[in-house]
Amino acid sequence: MTPQKSNTQDASTSSGVWRSVRENLGLIAIALVLAFLIRTFIAEPRYIPSDSMVPTLHTGDRLVVEKISYSFHPPHLGDIIVFQPPEKLQQRGYPKDQAFIKRVIGEPGQTVAVTGGKVYINGKPLQEDYIAEPPIQPFTQVRVPENEFFVMGDNRNDSNDSRYWGFLPRQNIIGRAVFRFWPFDRIGLV
């Protein structure tokens, strides 16, 4: 009888190990699917590659970009958004999957101009306590078309933005920057 108990114990132990392995593989698969769904539809981390948003964001900052709110309402003046480059930038060699980050300055139907170091929205100067310095290059007034936005970097004199490549189509917007998680000494809402 002793040998049979040993075989039964071995089979029982082997069965328990395989059950544990299957459970762990199932948990890993669920975690991977959830991570994919969250990154695709809810939020994703992003890296800041340039100084175009200084002083608000710096090269190397890591952000969380949320993707849900713009399903319910359009971007608003002042939102910091992440987007895929519009056609004009792609024609200049920027890959379609390279993300840009800028601040919404003009919404559909508004006029935008830069004169005397100030940005004007609908003829009124925009109060901008977040910029690195006033813009030095004037920009003739334009009206923002429907379903498009006018975006600029906070580092006005070192930003490749709507002044140079035109309006941003709404469908190019990935999401809104909401939280900086790196570096640790500047963690917080954006």
C-alpha atoms as a PDB file:
ATOM      1  CA  MET A   1       0.000   0.000   0.000  1.00  0.00           C
ATOM      2  CA  THR A   2       2.775   2.389   0.672  1.00  0.00           C
ATOM      3  CA  PRO A   3       3.893   2.576  -2.977  1.00  0.00           C
ATOM      4  CA  GLN A   4       0.341   3.410  -4.125  1.00  0.00           C
ATOM      5  CA  LYS A   5       0.058   6.258  -1.607  1.00  0.00           C
ATOM      6  CA  SER A   6       3.297   7.661  -2.978  1.00  0.00           C
ATOM      7  CA  ASN A   7       1.950   7.598  -6.549  1.00  0.00           C
ATOM      8  CA  THR A   8      -1.300   9.190  -5.410  1.00  0.00           C
ATOM      9  CA  GLN A   9       0.607  11.877  -3.535  1.00  0.00           C
ATOM     10  CA  ASP A  10       2.831  12.529  -6.572  1.00  0.00           C
ATOM     11  CA  ALA A  11      -0.205  12.820  -8.862  1.00  0.00           C
ATOM     12  CA  SER A  12      -1.946  15.092  -6.383  1.00  0.00           C
ATOM     13  CA  THR A  13       1.139  17.302  -6.008  1.00  0.00           C
ATOM     14  CA  SER A  14       1.673  17.402  -9.777  1.00  0.00           C
ATOM     15  CA  SER A  15      -1.972  18.302 -10.343  1.00  0.00           C
ATOM     16  CA  GLY A  16      -1.727  21.105  -7.753  1.00  0.00           C
ATOM     17  CA  VAL A  17       1.398  22.531  -9.376  1.00  0.00           C
ATOM     18  CA  TRP A  18      -0.210  22.579 -12.837  1.00  0.00           C
ATOM     19  CA  ARG A  19      -3.366  24.155 -11.425  1.00  0.00           C
ATOM     20  CA  SER A  20      -1.224  26.870  -9.812  1.00  0.00           C
ATOM     21  CA  VAL A  21       0.705  27.444 -13.063  1.00  0.00           C
ATOM     22  CA  ARG A  22      -2.553  27.737 -15.052  1.00  0.00           C
ATOM     23  CA  GLU A  23      -3.977  30.192 -12.501  1.00  0.00           C
ATOM     24  CA  ASN A  24      -0.814  32.319 -12.634  1.00  0.00           C
ATOM     25  CA  LEU A  25      -0.779  32.309 -16.441  1.00  0.00           C
ATOM     26  CA  GLY A  26      -4.447  33.299 -16.431  1.00  0.00           C
ATOM     27  CA  LEU A  27      -3.732  36.184 -14.038  1.00  0.00           C
ATOM     28  CA  ILE A  28      -0.823  37.347 -16.206  1.00  0.00           C
ATOM     29  CA  ALA A  29      -3.022  37.225 -19.326  1.00  0.00           C
ATOM     30  CA  ILE A  30      -5.757  39.236 -17.583  1.00  0.00           C
ATOM     31  CA  ALA A  31      -3.188  41.794 -16.363  1.00  0.00           C
ATOM     32  CA  LEU A  32      -1.780  42.177 -19.894  1.00  0.00           C
ATOM     33  CA  VAL A  33      -5.240  42.633 -21.416  1.00  0.00           C
ATOM     34  CA  LEU A  34      -6.170  45.199 -18.746  1.00  0.00           C
ATOM     35  CA  ALA A  35      -2.886  47.081 -19.269  1.00  0.00           C
ATOM     36  CA  PHE A  36      -3.511  47.158 -23.029  1.00  0.00           C
ATOM     37  CA  LEU A  37      -7.093  48.385 -22.611  1.00  0.00           C
ATOM     38  CA  ILE A  38      -6.133  51.052 -20.070  1.00  0.00           C
ATOM     39  CA  ARG A  39      -3.277  52.355 -22.235  1.00  0.00           C
ATOM     40  CA  THR A  40      -5.382  52.306 -25.397  1.00  0.00           C
ATOM     41  CA  PHE A  41      -8.587  53.854 -24.074  1.00  0.00           C
ATOM     42  CA  ILE A  42      -8.062  55.471 -20.657  1.00  0.00           C
ATOM     43  CA  ALA A  43      -4.564  56.802 -19.926  1.00  0.00           C
ATOM     44  CA  GLU A  44      -0.949  56.360 -20.899  1.00  0.00           C
ATOM     45  CA  PRO A  45       2.460  57.608 -19.820  1.00  0.00           C
ATOM     46  CA  ARG A  46       4.353  60.053 -22.045  1.00  0.00           C
ATOM     47  CA  TYR A  47       7.864  61.485 -22.110  1.00  0.00           C
ATOM     48  CA  ILE A  48       8.625  65.158 -22.882  1.00  0.00           C
ATOM     49  CA  PRO A  49      11.334  65.197 -25.602  1.00  0.00           C
ATOM     50  CA  SER A  50      11.929  68.952 -26.022  1.00  0.00           C
ATOM     51  CA  ASP A  51      11.940  72.373 -24.354  1.00  0.00           C
ATOM     52  CA  SER A  52       8.879  73.672 -26.233  1.00  0.00           C
ATOM     53  CA  MET A  53       6.719  73.667 -23.074  1.00  0.00           C
ATOM     54  CA  VAL A  54       9.241  75.269 -20.676  1.00  0.00           C
ATOM     55  CA  PRO A  55       8.667  76.509 -17.977  1.00  0.00           C
ATOM     56  CA  THR A  56       5.548  74.336 -17.463  1.00  0.00           C
ATOM     57  CA  LEU A  57       7.196  71.092 -18.604  1.00  0.00           C
ATOM     58  CA  HIS A  58      10.858  70.255 -19.052  1.00  0.00           C
ATOM     59  CA  THR A  59      12.741  67.809 -21.253  1.00  0.00           C
ATOM     60  CA  GLY A  60      12.623  64.419 -19.567  1.00  0.00           C
ATOM     61  CA  ASP A  61       9.417  65.006 -17.596  1.00  0.00           C
ATOM     62  CA  ARG A  62       7.109  61.992 -17.529  1.00  0.00           C
ATOM     63  CA  LEU A  63       3.356  62.576 -17.660  1.00  0.00           C
ATOM     64  CA  VAL A  64       0.077  60.726 -17.474  1.00  0.00           C
ATOM     65  CA  VAL A  65      -2.149  61.580 -20.433  1.00  0.00           C
ATOM     66  CA  GLU A  66      -5.846  60.845 -19.926  1.00  0.00           C
ATOM     67  CA  LYS A  67      -7.877  59.934 -23.009  1.00  0.00           C
ATOM     68  CA  ILE A  68     -11.482  59.842 -21.813  1.00  0.00           C
ATOM     69  CA  SER A  69     -12.629  63.422 -21.173  1.00  0.00           C
ATOM     70  CA  TYR A  70     -12.441  64.531 -24.814  1.00  0.00           C
ATOM     71  CA  SER A  71     -14.981  61.838 -25.682  1.00  0.00           C
ATOM     72  CA  PHE A  72     -17.498  63.949 -23.733  1.00  0.00           C
ATOM     73  CA  HIS A  73     -16.350  67.511 -24.457  1.00  0.00           C
ATOM     74  CA  PRO A  74     -13.860  69.292 -26.728  1.00  0.00           C
ATOM     75  CA  PRO A  75     -10.499  70.597 -25.516  1.00  0.00           C
ATOM     76  CA  HIS A  76     -10.664  73.997 -23.844  1.00  0.00           C
ATOM     77  CA  LEU A  77      -8.474  77.079 -23.922  1.00  0.00           C
ATOM     78  CA  GLY A  78      -5.419  76.401 -21.758  1.00  0.00           C
ATOM     79  CA  ASP A  79      -5.553  72.595 -21.856  1.00  0.00           C
ATOM     80  CA  ILE A  80      -2.194  70.923 -22.402  1.00  0.00           C
ATOM     81  CA  ILE A  81      -2.776  68.260 -25.028  1.00  0.00           C
ATOM     82  CA  VAL A  82      -0.822  65.442 -26.630  1.00  0.00           C
ATOM     83  CA  PHE A  83      -1.462  64.796 -30.315  1.00  0.00           C
ATOM     84  CA  GLN A  84      -0.270  63.078 -33.453  1.00  0.00           C
ATOM     85  CA  PRO A  85       1.315  65.446 -35.963  1.00  0.00           C
ATOM     86  CA  PRO A  86      -1.071  66.873 -38.558  1.00  0.00           C
ATOM     87  CA  GLU A  87      -0.557  66.168 -42.267  1.00  0.00           C
ATOM     88  CA  LYS A  88       1.646  69.235 -42.809  1.00  0.00           C
ATOM     89  CA  LEU A  89       4.160  68.014 -40.193  1.00  0.00           C
ATOM     90  CA  GLN A  90       4.075  64.497 -41.593  1.00  0.00           C
ATOM     91  CA  GLN A  91       4.934  65.953 -45.017  1.00  0.00           C
ATOM     92  CA  ARG A  92       7.971  67.561 -43.342  1.00  0.00           C
ATOM     93  CA  GLY A  93       9.197  64.152 -42.195  1.00  0.00           C
ATOM     94  CA  TYR A  94       7.657  63.722 -38.743  1.00  0.00           C
ATOM     95  CA  PRO A  95       6.357  60.164 -38.306  1.00  0.00           C
ATOM     96  CA  LYS A  96       2.614  59.785 -37.713  1.00  0.00           C
ATOM     97  CA  ASP A  97       3.176  58.047 -34.367  1.00  0.00           C
ATOM     98  CA  GLN A  98       5.436  60.796 -32.943  1.00  0.00           C
ATOM     99  CA  ALA A  99       3.460  62.599 -30.263  1.00  0.00           C
ATOM    100  CA  PHE A 100       3.580  66.366 -29.802  1.00  0.00           C
ATOM    101  CA  ILE A 101       2.538  68.309 -26.712  1.00  0.00           C
ATOM    102  CA  LYS A 102       1.238  71.912 -26.751  1.00  0.00           C
ATOM    103  CA  ARG A 103      -1.284  74.192 -25.059  1.00  0.00           C
ATOM    104  CA  VAL A 104      -4.669  74.938 -26.652  1.00  0.00           C
ATOM    105  CA  ILE A 105      -4.709  78.664 -27.475  1.00  0.00           C
ATOM    106  CA  GLY A 106      -7.550  78.927 -29.979  1.00  0.00           C
ATOM    107  CA  GLU A 107     -10.803  76.989 -30.126  1.00  0.00           C
ATOM    108  CA  PRO A 108     -13.012  76.571 -33.215  1.00  0.00           C
ATOM    109  CA  GLY A 109     -14.508  79.893 -34.319  1.00  0.00           C
ATOM    110  CA  GLN A 110     -12.081  82.069 -32.348  1.00  0.00           C
ATOM    111  CA  THR A 111      -9.517  84.422 -33.881  1.00  0.00           C
ATOM    112  CA  VAL A 112      -5.867  84.248 -32.844  1.00  0.00           C
ATOM    113  CA  ALA A 113      -3.129  86.831 -33.447  1.00  0.00           C
ATOM    114  CA  VAL A 114       0.274  87.711 -31.995  1.00  0.00           C
ATOM    115  CA  THR A 115       1.169  91.397 -31.832  1.00  0.00           C
ATOM    116  CA  GLY A 116       3.630  93.317 -29.679  1.00  0.00           C
ATOM    117  CA  GLY A 117       4.660  90.284 -27.644  1.00  0.00           C
ATOM    118  CA  LYS A 118       1.070  89.334 -26.754  1.00  0.00           C
ATOM    119  CA  VAL A 119      -1.320  86.670 -27.962  1.00  0.00           C
ATOM    120  CA  TYR A 120      -4.813  87.954 -28.759  1.00  0.00           C
ATOM    121  CA  ILE A 121      -7.946  85.801 -28.731  1.00  0.00           C
ATOM    122  CA  ASN A 122     -10.933  87.476 -30.423  1.00  0.00           C
ATOM    123  CA  GLY A 123      -9.091  90.799 -30.182  1.00  0.00           C
ATOM    124  CA  LYS A 124      -8.436  90.562 -26.422  1.00  0.00           C
ATOM    125  CA  PRO A 125      -4.979  89.924 -24.930  1.00  0.00           C
ATOM    126  CA  LEU A 126      -4.571  86.486 -23.397  1.00  0.00           C
ATOM    127  CA  GLN A 127      -3.278  86.495 -19.801  1.00  0.00           C
ATOM    128  CA  GLU A 128      -0.351  84.079 -19.853  1.00  0.00           C
ATOM    129  CA  ASP A 129       1.506  83.650 -16.576  1.00  0.00           C
ATOM    130  CA  TYR A 130       2.791  80.234 -17.759  1.00  0.00           C
ATOM    131  CA  ILE A 131       5.038  81.280 -20.691  1.00  0.00           C
ATOM    132  CA  ALA A 132       8.842  81.404 -20.690  1.00  0.00           C
ATOM    133  CA  GLU A 133       8.888  84.823 -22.375  1.00  0.00           C
ATOM    134  CA  PRO A 134       6.644  86.906 -24.643  1.00  0.00           C
ATOM    135  CA  PRO A 135       6.596  85.854 -28.306  1.00  0.00           C
ATOM    136  CA  ILE A 136       8.927  88.011 -30.391  1.00  0.00           C
ATOM    137  CA  GLN A 137       7.557  87.141 -33.830  1.00  0.00           C
ATOM    138  CA  PRO A 138       4.211  88.665 -34.868  1.00  0.00           C
ATOM    139  CA  PHE A 139       1.511  86.434 -36.313  1.00  0.00           C
ATOM    140  CA  THR A 140      -1.327  87.738 -38.489  1.00  0.00           C
ATOM    141  CA  GLN A 141      -4.842  87.113 -37.217  1.00  0.00           C
ATOM    142  CA  VAL A 142      -6.472  83.841 -38.281  1.00  0.00           C
ATOM    143  CA  ARG A 143      -9.851  82.279 -37.546  1.00  0.00           C
ATOM    144  CA  VAL A 144      -9.774  78.724 -36.192  1.00  0.00           C
ATOM    145  CA  PRO A 145     -11.917  76.405 -38.383  1.00  0.00           C
ATOM    146  CA  GLU A 146     -14.561  74.020 -37.049  1.00  0.00           C
ATOM    147  CA  ASN A 147     -13.162  70.822 -35.493  1.00  0.00           C
ATOM    148  CA  GLU A 148      -9.651  72.293 -35.395  1.00  0.00           C
ATOM    149  CA  PHE A 149      -7.532  74.027 -32.760  1.00  0.00           C
ATOM    150  CA  PHE A 150      -4.687  76.511 -32.590  1.00  0.00           C
ATOM    151  CA  VAL A 151      -1.902  75.277 -30.288  1.00  0.00           C
ATOM    152  CA  MET A 152       1.328  76.829 -29.032  1.00  0.00           C
ATOM    153  CA  GLY A 153       4.170  75.778 -26.771  1.00  0.00           C
ATOM    154  CA  ASP A 154       4.693  77.702 -23.530  1.00  0.00           C
ATOM    155  CA  ASN A 155       8.249  78.401 -24.658  1.00  0.00           C
ATOM    156  CA  ARG A 156       6.843  80.735 -27.331  1.00  0.00           C
ATOM    157  CA  ASN A 157      10.156  81.499 -29.038  1.00  0.00           C
ATOM    158  CA  ASP A 158      11.301  77.864 -29.232  1.00  0.00           C
ATOM    159  CA  SER A 159       8.188  75.941 -30.237  1.00  0.00           C
ATOM    160  CA  ASN A 160       7.169  74.241 -33.481  1.00  0.00           C
ATOM    161  CA  ASP A 161       3.442  74.980 -33.257  1.00  0.00           C
ATOM    162  CA  SER A 162       0.339  76.191 -35.134  1.00  0.00           C
ATOM    163  CA  ARG A 163       2.086  79.426 -36.127  1.00  0.00           C
ATOM    164  CA  TYR A 164       4.323  77.361 -38.415  1.00  0.00           C
ATOM    165  CA  TRP A 165       2.225  74.409 -39.536  1.00  0.00           C
ATOM    166  CA  GLY A 166      -1.391  75.493 -39.153  1.00  0.00           C
ATOM    167  CA  PHE A 167      -4.384  74.181 -37.292  1.00  0.00           C
ATOM    168  CA  LEU A 168      -4.621  70.926 -35.377  1.00  0.00           C
ATOM    169  CA  PRO A 169      -7.518  68.643 -36.397  1.00  0.00           C
ATOM    170  CA  ARG A 170      -9.481  67.341 -33.420  1.00  0.00           C
ATOM    171  CA  GLN A 171      -9.070  63.731 -34.590  1.00  0.00           C
ATOM    172  CA  ASN A 172      -5.286  64.029 -34.074  1.00  0.00           C
ATOM    173  CA  ILE A 173      -5.668  64.667 -30.340  1.00  0.00           C
ATOM    174  CA  ILE A 174      -4.620  61.718 -28.174  1.00  0.00           C
ATOM    175  CA  GLY A 175      -5.509  63.195 -24.794  1.00  0.00           C
ATOM    176  CA  ARG A 176      -4.893  65.763 -22.072  1.00  0.00           C
ATOM    177  CA  ALA A 177      -1.781  65.906 -19.884  1.00  0.00           C
ATOM    178  CA  VAL A 178      -2.976  65.713 -16.290  1.00  0.00           C
ATOM    179  CA  PHE A 179      -0.203  64.544 -13.968  1.00  0.00           C
ATOM    180  CA  ARG A 180       3.620  64.669 -13.857  1.00  0.00           C
ATOM    181  CA  PHE A 181       5.061  61.580 -12.156  1.00  0.00           C
ATOM    182  CA  TRP A 182       8.754  62.236 -12.881  1.00  0.00           C
ATOM    183  CA  PRO A 183      10.986  63.792 -11.656  1.00  0.00           C
ATOM    184  CA  PHE A 184       9.939  63.139  -8.068  1.00  0.00           C
ATOM    185  CA  ASP A 185      10.705  66.674  -6.908  1.00  0.00           C
ATOM    186  CA  ARG A 186       8.080  68.054  -9.347  1.00  0.00           C
ATOM    187  CA  ILE A 187       5.356  65.410  -8.997  1.00  0.00           C
ATOM    188  CA  GLY A 188       1.883  66.869  -9.292  1.00  0.00           C
ATOM    189  CA  LEU A 189      -0.970  68.020 -11.479  1.00  0.00           C
ATOM    190  CA  VAL A 190      -0.034  69.720 -14.732  1.00  0.00           C
END
